Amino acid sequence: SRDRIIAKDFVGASTYGRSAKILNIIALCVGLFVTILSIVLVFLYLPLYLPQP
């Protein structure tokens, strides 16, 4: 984005910045989903592996 601004390509810089922002938001959401899913699965399957009294 900075390279395009230096080259005076403000439309290209804006487009690149917008797409980078969207991809960052998607990556954040996927990361949160995977983290929450992992925690839930650990707590669901943990009793299966603990010894029963």
Protein backbone atom coordinates (compact mmCIF):
# COMPACT_ATOMS: atom_id res chain seq x y z
CA SER A 1 0.00 0.00 0.00
CA ARG A 2 2.81 2.43 0.86
CA ASP A 3 4.59 1.66 -2.42
CA ARG A 4 1.47 2.58 -4.35
CA ILE A 5 1.06 5.81 -2.38
CA ILE A 6 4.68 6.77 -3.10
CA ALA A 7 4.05 6.01 -6.79
CA LYS A 8 0.99 8.32 -6.60
CA ASP A 9 -1.39 5.41 -7.33
CA PHE A 10 -3.96 6.36 -4.70
CA VAL A 11 -6.76 4.26 -6.21
CA GLY A 12 -4.56 1.17 -6.24
CA ALA A 13 -3.41 1.86 -2.68
CA SER A 14 -6.99 2.24 -1.51
CA THR A 15 -8.06 -0.98 -3.22
CA TYR A 16 -5.08 -2.88 -1.79
CA GLY A 17 -5.72 -1.51 1.70
CA ARG A 18 -9.41 -2.41 1.56
CA SER A 19 -8.73 -5.98 0.44
CA ALA A 20 -6.00 -6.38 3.08
CA LYS A 21 -8.41 -5.17 5.77
CA ILE A 22 -11.09 -7.65 4.67
CA LEU A 23 -8.61 -10.53 4.60
CA ASN A 24 -7.35 -9.61 8.08
CA ILE A 25 -10.91 -9.61 9.43
CA ILE A 26 -11.61 -13.01 7.83
CA ALA A 27 -8.37 -14.43 9.26
CA LEU A 28 -9.29 -13.12 12.71
CA CYS A 29 -12.77 -14.68 12.56
CA VAL A 30 -11.44 -18.05 11.37
CA GLY A 31 -8.79 -18.02 14.11
CA LEU A 32 -11.36 -17.23 16.80
CA PHE A 33 -13.70 -19.93 15.50
CA VAL A 34 -10.96 -22.58 15.49
CA THR A 35 -9.81 -21.59 18.98
CA ILE A 36 -13.31 -21.69 20.46
CA LEU A 37 -14.09 -24.97 18.69
CA SER A 38 -10.89 -26.52 20.03
CA ILE A 39 -11.70 -25.49 23.60
CA VAL A 40 -15.24 -26.82 23.33
CA LEU A 41 -14.05 -30.14 21.89
CA VAL A 42 -11.48 -30.56 24.67
CA PHE A 43 -14.14 -30.07 27.34
CA LEU A 44 -16.59 -32.38 25.55
CA TYR A 45 -14.14 -35.26 25.10
CA LEU A 46 -12.14 -34.83 28.31
CA PRO A 47 -14.51 -37.01 30.42
CA LEU A 48 -14.04 -39.90 27.98
CA TYR A 49 -10.31 -40.07 28.75
CA LEU A 50 -10.43 -39.53 32.51
CA PRO A 51 -10.60 -42.66 34.68
CA GLN A 52 -14.03 -43.35 36.12
CA PRO A 53 -14.20 -44.03 39.90
